[in-house]
C-alpha cells in the first residue's frame, strides 16, 4: 500500500486518480506530477515500484498539501472575519459567500427550512379565533 503525505492511496485505482485522495492535489496537478516523473498514468497503485513511490513522495513535497494547506485556508477565512469584510461576515453567519441567491435555495448553508406553509398559517389563525 502506498502511503504518501500521511494518506493511504486507494490500491485499485489509477495513479493519476489515486493522487487526488491527497487534500490539495486535483486532477490537473496529479496528471502533471505523473507526467513529470514519466510514470504511466494508467498504472494502478498496487503495481507501483518502491522507487516510483519514493519519487512521488519527493515530487509531492514541493506542493502545499494536507495540514499546511488546511491551516492556511482556515487562517485566510479567520482573517476575513477579523477585518469584518463582507465575505468574512458571510462566513460568520454561515451564508453563501460567493454571491449566490439566498431568497430561494441556499438550503445547504442555511439549514433546514424554518418556514410554515401558507395553509398551515390559515388553519392556525382560524383555530385561535374560533
N, C-alpha and C. Protein backbone atom coordinates (compact mmCIF):
# COMPACT_ATOMS: atom_id res chain seq x y z
N UNK A 1 0.85 -1.19 0.00
CA UNK A 1 0.00 0.00 0.00
C UNK A 1 0.88 1.24 0.00
N UNK A 2 0.56 2.18 -0.84
CA UNK A 2 1.33 3.40 -0.95
C UNK A 2 0.78 4.44 0.02
N UNK A 3 1.64 4.93 0.90
CA UNK A 3 1.25 5.95 1.85
C UNK A 3 2.08 7.19 1.55
N UNK A 4 1.41 8.24 1.10
CA UNK A 4 2.11 9.47 0.74
C UNK A 4 1.47 10.62 1.50
N UNK A 5 2.28 11.43 2.15
CA UNK A 5 1.83 12.61 2.89
C UNK A 5 0.77 12.25 3.94
N UNK A 6 0.94 11.08 4.56
CA UNK A 6 0.01 10.68 5.61
C UNK A 6 -1.32 10.16 5.10
N UNK A 7 -1.44 9.92 3.80
CA UNK A 7 -2.69 9.45 3.21
C UNK A 7 -2.43 8.12 2.52
N UNK A 8 -3.28 7.12 2.81
CA UNK A 8 -3.19 5.85 2.11
C UNK A 8 -3.89 6.00 0.76
N UNK A 9 -3.15 5.79 -0.30
CA UNK A 9 -3.76 5.89 -1.63
C UNK A 9 -4.59 4.64 -1.90
N UNK A 10 -5.75 4.79 -2.53
CA UNK A 10 -6.58 3.62 -2.86
C UNK A 10 -5.82 2.67 -3.78
N UNK A 11 -5.80 1.41 -3.42
CA UNK A 11 -4.97 0.42 -4.13
C UNK A 11 -5.41 0.15 -5.56
N UNK A 12 -6.71 0.05 -5.79
CA UNK A 12 -7.18 -0.45 -7.08
C UNK A 12 -7.45 0.66 -8.09
N UNK A 13 -7.04 1.89 -7.80
CA UNK A 13 -7.28 2.99 -8.73
C UNK A 13 -6.02 3.33 -9.51
N UNK A 14 -6.23 4.01 -10.64
CA UNK A 14 -5.10 4.50 -11.43
C UNK A 14 -4.35 5.53 -10.60
N UNK A 15 -3.06 5.67 -10.84
CA UNK A 15 -2.23 6.55 -10.02
C UNK A 15 -2.63 8.01 -10.18
N UNK A 16 -3.03 8.43 -11.40
CA UNK A 16 -3.40 9.83 -11.57
C UNK A 16 -4.71 10.16 -10.86
N UNK A 17 -5.57 9.18 -10.66
CA UNK A 17 -6.81 9.39 -9.92
C UNK A 17 -6.56 9.24 -8.42
N UNK A 18 -5.74 8.28 -8.06
CA UNK A 18 -5.48 8.00 -6.64
C UNK A 18 -4.79 9.17 -5.94
N UNK A 19 -3.96 9.90 -6.66
CA UNK A 19 -3.27 11.05 -6.05
C UNK A 19 -4.24 12.13 -5.60
N UNK A 20 -5.44 12.17 -6.19
CA UNK A 20 -6.42 13.19 -5.80
C UNK A 20 -7.00 12.92 -4.42
N UNK A 21 -6.68 11.77 -3.81
CA UNK A 21 -7.11 11.49 -2.44
C UNK A 21 -6.36 12.38 -1.45
N UNK A 22 -5.26 12.96 -1.90
CA UNK A 22 -4.48 13.88 -1.05
C UNK A 22 -5.09 15.26 -1.16
N UNK A 23 -5.39 15.88 -0.01
CA UNK A 23 -6.01 17.20 0.02
C UNK A 23 -5.04 18.21 -0.58
N UNK A 24 -5.49 18.92 -1.61
CA UNK A 24 -4.66 19.93 -2.25
C UNK A 24 -4.13 19.49 -3.60
N UNK A 25 -4.38 18.22 -3.97
CA UNK A 25 -3.96 17.74 -5.28
C UNK A 25 -5.21 17.36 -6.05
N UNK A 26 -5.44 18.05 -7.16
CA UNK A 26 -6.59 17.77 -8.01
C UNK A 26 -6.17 16.96 -9.22
N UNK A 27 -7.09 16.83 -10.17
CA UNK A 27 -6.82 16.02 -11.35
C UNK A 27 -5.67 16.59 -12.17
N UNK A 28 -5.67 17.91 -12.36
CA UNK A 28 -4.64 18.53 -13.19
C UNK A 28 -3.25 18.37 -12.56
N UNK A 29 -3.14 18.68 -11.28
CA UNK A 29 -1.85 18.58 -10.60
C UNK A 29 -1.37 17.13 -10.57
N UNK A 30 -2.28 16.21 -10.34
CA UNK A 30 -1.91 14.79 -10.31
C UNK A 30 -1.37 14.35 -11.66
N UNK A 31 -2.04 14.75 -12.74
CA UNK A 31 -1.55 14.34 -14.06
C UNK A 31 -0.21 15.01 -14.38
N UNK A 32 -0.03 16.24 -13.90
CA UNK A 32 1.25 16.93 -14.09
C UNK A 32 2.39 16.19 -13.38
N UNK A 33 2.14 15.78 -12.14
CA UNK A 33 3.15 15.07 -11.35
C UNK A 33 3.53 13.76 -12.04
N UNK A 34 2.52 13.03 -12.50
CA UNK A 34 2.76 11.73 -13.12
C UNK A 34 3.55 11.89 -14.42
N UNK A 35 3.21 12.89 -15.23
CA UNK A 35 3.95 13.07 -16.49
C UNK A 35 5.37 13.56 -16.23
N UNK A 36 5.58 14.39 -15.20
CA UNK A 36 6.93 14.85 -14.88
C UNK A 36 7.84 13.69 -14.49
N UNK A 37 7.26 12.68 -13.82
CA UNK A 37 8.06 11.55 -13.35
C UNK A 37 8.10 10.40 -14.37
N UNK A 38 7.46 10.59 -15.54
CA UNK A 38 7.41 9.56 -16.58
C UNK A 38 6.82 8.24 -16.07
N UNK A 39 5.76 8.36 -15.28
CA UNK A 39 5.03 7.17 -14.82
C UNK A 39 3.78 7.07 -15.67
N UNK A 40 3.43 5.85 -16.06
CA UNK A 40 2.22 5.64 -16.86
C UNK A 40 1.00 6.00 -16.03
N UNK A 41 0.18 6.97 -16.49
CA UNK A 41 -0.98 7.39 -15.69
C UNK A 41 -2.01 6.29 -15.50
N UNK A 42 -2.02 5.28 -16.39
CA UNK A 42 -2.98 4.20 -16.29
C UNK A 42 -2.56 3.11 -15.32
N UNK A 43 -1.36 3.23 -14.77
CA UNK A 43 -0.83 2.22 -13.87
C UNK A 43 -1.59 2.26 -12.54
N UNK A 44 -1.91 1.10 -12.01
CA UNK A 44 -2.61 1.02 -10.72
C UNK A 44 -1.62 1.24 -9.58
N UNK A 45 -2.14 1.69 -8.45
CA UNK A 45 -1.27 1.97 -7.30
C UNK A 45 -0.59 0.69 -6.82
N UNK A 46 -1.28 -0.45 -6.90
CA UNK A 46 -0.70 -1.72 -6.48
C UNK A 46 0.57 -2.08 -7.23
N UNK A 47 0.60 -1.73 -8.51
CA UNK A 47 1.72 -2.16 -9.35
C UNK A 47 2.89 -1.17 -9.36
N UNK A 48 2.85 -0.15 -8.51
CA UNK A 48 3.96 0.80 -8.46
C UNK A 48 5.16 0.18 -7.77
N UNK A 49 6.36 0.46 -8.27
CA UNK A 49 7.59 0.00 -7.64
C UNK A 49 7.95 0.95 -6.49
N UNK A 50 8.80 0.49 -5.60
CA UNK A 50 9.20 1.30 -4.44
C UNK A 50 9.89 2.59 -4.87
N UNK A 51 10.73 2.52 -5.91
CA UNK A 51 11.42 3.73 -6.35
C UNK A 51 10.43 4.75 -6.93
N UNK A 52 9.36 4.28 -7.59
CA UNK A 52 8.35 5.19 -8.12
C UNK A 52 7.59 5.88 -6.97
N UNK A 53 7.31 5.12 -5.93
CA UNK A 53 6.62 5.70 -4.77
C UNK A 53 7.49 6.75 -4.09
N UNK A 54 8.78 6.46 -3.98
CA UNK A 54 9.67 7.44 -3.36
C UNK A 54 9.82 8.68 -4.24
N UNK A 55 9.82 8.49 -5.57
CA UNK A 55 9.86 9.65 -6.47
C UNK A 55 8.61 10.51 -6.30
N UNK A 56 7.45 9.84 -6.17
CA UNK A 56 6.19 10.57 -5.95
C UNK A 56 6.26 11.37 -4.66
N UNK A 57 6.77 10.74 -3.59
CA UNK A 57 6.88 11.44 -2.29
C UNK A 57 7.74 12.69 -2.43
N UNK A 58 8.87 12.54 -3.11
CA UNK A 58 9.79 13.67 -3.28
C UNK A 58 9.13 14.79 -4.09
N UNK A 59 8.43 14.41 -5.15
CA UNK A 59 7.79 15.41 -6.02
C UNK A 59 6.67 16.14 -5.27
N UNK A 60 5.90 15.40 -4.48
CA UNK A 60 4.73 15.98 -3.78
C UNK A 60 5.17 16.90 -2.65
N UNK A 61 6.38 16.74 -2.16
CA UNK A 61 6.88 17.64 -1.11
C UNK A 61 6.99 19.08 -1.59
N UNK A 62 7.03 19.29 -2.91
CA UNK A 62 7.12 20.64 -3.47
C UNK A 62 5.80 21.40 -3.40
N UNK A 63 4.70 20.69 -3.11
CA UNK A 63 3.37 21.30 -3.07
C UNK A 63 2.91 21.51 -1.64
N UNK A 64 2.06 22.50 -1.45
CA UNK A 64 1.45 22.71 -0.14
C UNK A 64 0.20 21.84 -0.08
N UNK A 65 0.20 20.86 0.81
CA UNK A 65 -0.90 19.89 0.86
C UNK A 65 -1.29 19.60 2.29
N UNK A 66 -2.40 18.88 2.44
CA UNK A 66 -2.92 18.37 3.70
C UNK A 66 -2.93 19.43 4.80
N UNK A 67 -2.29 19.19 5.94
CA UNK A 67 -2.41 20.04 7.12
C UNK A 67 -2.00 21.49 6.89
N UNK A 68 -0.89 21.69 6.18
CA UNK A 68 -0.42 23.06 5.93
C UNK A 68 -1.45 23.84 5.11
N UNK A 69 -2.00 23.21 4.09
CA UNK A 69 -2.98 23.87 3.23
C UNK A 69 -4.27 24.15 3.99
N UNK A 70 -4.74 23.17 4.76
CA UNK A 70 -5.95 23.37 5.57
C UNK A 70 -5.76 24.53 6.55
N UNK A 71 -4.60 24.57 7.17
CA UNK A 71 -4.30 25.64 8.13
C UNK A 71 -4.30 27.01 7.45
N UNK A 72 -3.71 27.07 6.26
CA UNK A 72 -3.66 28.33 5.53
C UNK A 72 -5.06 28.80 5.14
N UNK A 73 -5.90 27.87 4.67
CA UNK A 73 -7.27 28.23 4.28
C UNK A 73 -8.05 28.73 5.50
N UNK A 74 -7.90 28.03 6.64
CA UNK A 74 -8.59 28.46 7.86
C UNK A 74 -8.12 29.83 8.31
N UNK A 75 -6.81 30.09 8.21
CA UNK A 75 -6.28 31.40 8.59
C UNK A 75 -6.81 32.50 7.67
N UNK A 76 -6.94 32.20 6.39
CA UNK A 76 -7.47 33.20 5.45
C UNK A 76 -8.91 33.55 5.78
N UNK A 77 -9.72 32.52 6.11
CA UNK A 77 -11.11 32.77 6.47
C UNK A 77 -11.19 33.55 7.77
N UNK A 78 -10.34 33.19 8.74
CA UNK A 78 -10.33 33.89 10.02
C UNK A 78 -9.93 35.36 9.84
N UNK A 79 -8.96 35.60 8.94
CA UNK A 79 -8.52 36.97 8.66
C UNK A 79 -9.67 37.79 8.08
N UNK A 80 -10.41 37.19 7.15
CA UNK A 80 -11.56 37.89 6.56
C UNK A 80 -12.59 38.22 7.63
N UNK A 81 -12.80 37.31 8.57
CA UNK A 81 -13.78 37.57 9.63
C UNK A 81 -13.27 38.65 10.58
N UNK A 82 -11.97 38.65 10.86
CA UNK A 82 -11.39 39.63 11.79
C UNK A 82 -11.46 41.05 11.25
N UNK A 83 -11.27 41.22 9.94
CA UNK A 83 -11.28 42.58 9.38
C UNK A 83 -12.68 43.02 9.00
N UNK A 84 -13.67 42.18 9.31
CA UNK A 84 -15.08 42.50 9.06
C UNK A 84 -15.37 42.80 7.59
N UNK A 85 -14.74 42.04 6.71
CA UNK A 85 -15.07 42.20 5.30
C UNK A 85 -16.42 41.55 5.02
N UNK A 86 -16.98 41.85 3.88
CA UNK A 86 -18.29 41.28 3.51
C UNK A 86 -18.21 39.76 3.49
N UNK A 87 -17.16 39.24 2.87
CA UNK A 87 -17.00 37.79 2.81
C UNK A 87 -16.84 37.19 4.19
N UNK A 88 -16.14 37.90 5.07
CA UNK A 88 -15.98 37.42 6.44
C UNK A 88 -17.31 37.37 7.18
N UNK A 89 -18.15 38.39 6.96
CA UNK A 89 -19.47 38.39 7.60
C UNK A 89 -20.32 37.23 7.09
N UNK A 90 -20.23 36.94 5.79
CA UNK A 90 -20.99 35.82 5.24
C UNK A 90 -20.51 34.50 5.84
N UNK A 91 -19.20 34.36 6.03
CA UNK A 91 -18.67 33.16 6.68
C UNK A 91 -19.19 33.06 8.11
N UNK A 92 -19.16 34.17 8.83
CA UNK A 92 -19.57 34.18 10.23
C UNK A 92 -21.04 33.79 10.39
N UNK A 93 -21.88 34.26 9.46
CA UNK A 93 -23.32 33.97 9.53
C UNK A 93 -23.69 32.65 8.86
N UNK A 94 -22.67 31.97 8.33
CA UNK A 94 -22.86 30.69 7.64
C UNK A 94 -23.85 30.80 6.49
N UNK A 95 -23.64 31.82 5.68
CA UNK A 95 -24.44 32.03 4.48
C UNK A 95 -23.54 31.86 3.26
N UNK A 96 -24.11 31.72 2.06
CA UNK A 96 -23.26 31.59 0.87
C UNK A 96 -22.35 32.80 0.69
N UNK A 97 -21.11 32.55 0.34
CA UNK A 97 -20.09 33.59 0.31
C UNK A 97 -19.90 34.16 -1.08
N UNK A 98 -20.17 33.37 -2.10
CA UNK A 98 -19.75 33.75 -3.45
C UNK A 98 -20.86 34.31 -4.31
N UNK A 99 -21.79 35.04 -3.71
CA UNK A 99 -22.76 35.78 -4.49
C UNK A 99 -23.98 35.01 -4.93
N UNK A 100 -24.21 33.81 -4.39
CA UNK A 100 -25.39 33.05 -4.79
C UNK A 100 -26.63 33.69 -4.19
N UNK A 101 -27.78 33.42 -4.80
CA UNK A 101 -29.02 33.96 -4.27
C UNK A 101 -29.42 33.19 -3.02
N UNK A 102 -30.07 33.88 -2.09
CA UNK A 102 -30.48 33.22 -0.85
C UNK A 102 -31.96 33.34 -0.59
N UNK A 103 -32.70 34.06 -1.44
CA UNK A 103 -34.14 34.16 -1.25
C UNK A 103 -34.76 32.77 -1.38
N UNK A 104 -34.34 32.05 -2.41
CA UNK A 104 -34.69 30.64 -2.53
C UNK A 104 -33.36 29.89 -2.56
N UNK A 105 -33.41 28.60 -2.44
CA UNK A 105 -32.22 27.75 -2.45
C UNK A 105 -31.33 28.04 -1.23
N UNK A 106 -30.07 27.81 -1.32
CA UNK A 106 -29.09 28.01 -0.25
C UNK A 106 -29.41 27.16 0.98
N UNK A 107 -30.13 26.06 0.79
CA UNK A 107 -30.52 25.22 1.93
C UNK A 107 -29.31 24.55 2.56
N UNK A 108 -28.31 24.26 1.80
CA UNK A 108 -27.14 23.60 2.37
C UNK A 108 -26.49 24.48 3.42
N UNK A 109 -26.33 25.76 3.13
CA UNK A 109 -25.69 26.67 4.08
C UNK A 109 -26.64 27.14 5.17
N UNK A 110 -27.91 27.36 4.82
CA UNK A 110 -28.86 27.93 5.78
C UNK A 110 -29.46 26.89 6.71
N UNK A 111 -29.42 25.64 6.35
CA UNK A 111 -30.00 24.60 7.19
C UNK A 111 -31.43 24.30 6.76
N UNK A 112 -32.12 23.54 7.60
CA UNK A 112 -33.50 23.17 7.27
C UNK A 112 -34.37 24.40 7.19
N UNK A 113 -35.42 24.31 6.38
CA UNK A 113 -36.34 25.44 6.20
C UNK A 113 -37.09 25.70 7.50
N UNK A 114 -37.17 26.96 7.89
CA UNK A 114 -37.87 27.31 9.11
C UNK A 114 -39.21 27.95 8.82
N UNK A 115 -39.73 27.76 7.62
CA UNK A 115 -40.96 28.42 7.22
C UNK A 115 -42.15 27.52 7.46
N UNK A 116 -43.32 28.13 7.62
CA UNK A 116 -44.57 27.40 7.76
C UNK A 116 -45.36 27.64 6.48
N UNK A 117 -45.97 26.57 5.97
CA UNK A 117 -46.71 26.73 4.72
C UNK A 117 -47.92 27.62 4.92
N UNK A 118 -48.40 28.20 3.84
CA UNK A 118 -49.49 29.17 3.90
C UNK A 118 -50.75 28.52 4.45
N UNK A 119 -51.06 27.32 4.04
CA UNK A 119 -52.26 26.65 4.50
C UNK A 119 -52.25 26.43 6.00
N UNK A 120 -51.10 26.13 6.55
CA UNK A 120 -50.98 25.90 7.98
C UNK A 120 -51.24 27.18 8.77
N UNK A 121 -50.75 28.30 8.27
CA UNK A 121 -50.96 29.59 8.95
C UNK A 121 -52.45 29.90 9.03
N UNK A 122 -53.16 29.69 7.93
CA UNK A 122 -54.58 29.98 7.89
C UNK A 122 -55.34 29.07 8.86
N UNK A 123 -54.96 27.80 8.93
CA UNK A 123 -55.63 26.88 9.83
C UNK A 123 -55.39 27.28 11.30
N UNK A 124 -54.13 27.68 11.62
CA UNK A 124 -53.82 28.09 13.00
C UNK A 124 -54.56 29.35 13.38
N UNK A 125 -54.68 30.31 12.45
CA UNK A 125 -55.40 31.54 12.72
C UNK A 125 -56.88 31.27 12.93
N UNK A 126 -57.44 30.36 12.14
CA UNK A 126 -58.86 30.02 12.27
C UNK A 126 -59.10 29.31 13.60
N UNK A 127 -58.19 28.47 14.00
CA UNK A 127 -58.34 27.72 15.26
C UNK A 127 -58.28 28.68 16.45
N UNK A 128 -57.38 29.67 16.40
CA UNK A 128 -57.23 30.62 17.51
C UNK A 128 -58.45 31.54 17.63
N UNK A 129 -58.97 31.98 16.49
CA UNK A 129 -60.09 32.92 16.54
C UNK A 129 -61.41 32.21 16.83
N UNK A 130 -61.53 30.93 16.50
CA UNK A 130 -62.79 30.22 16.65
C UNK A 130 -62.94 29.52 17.93
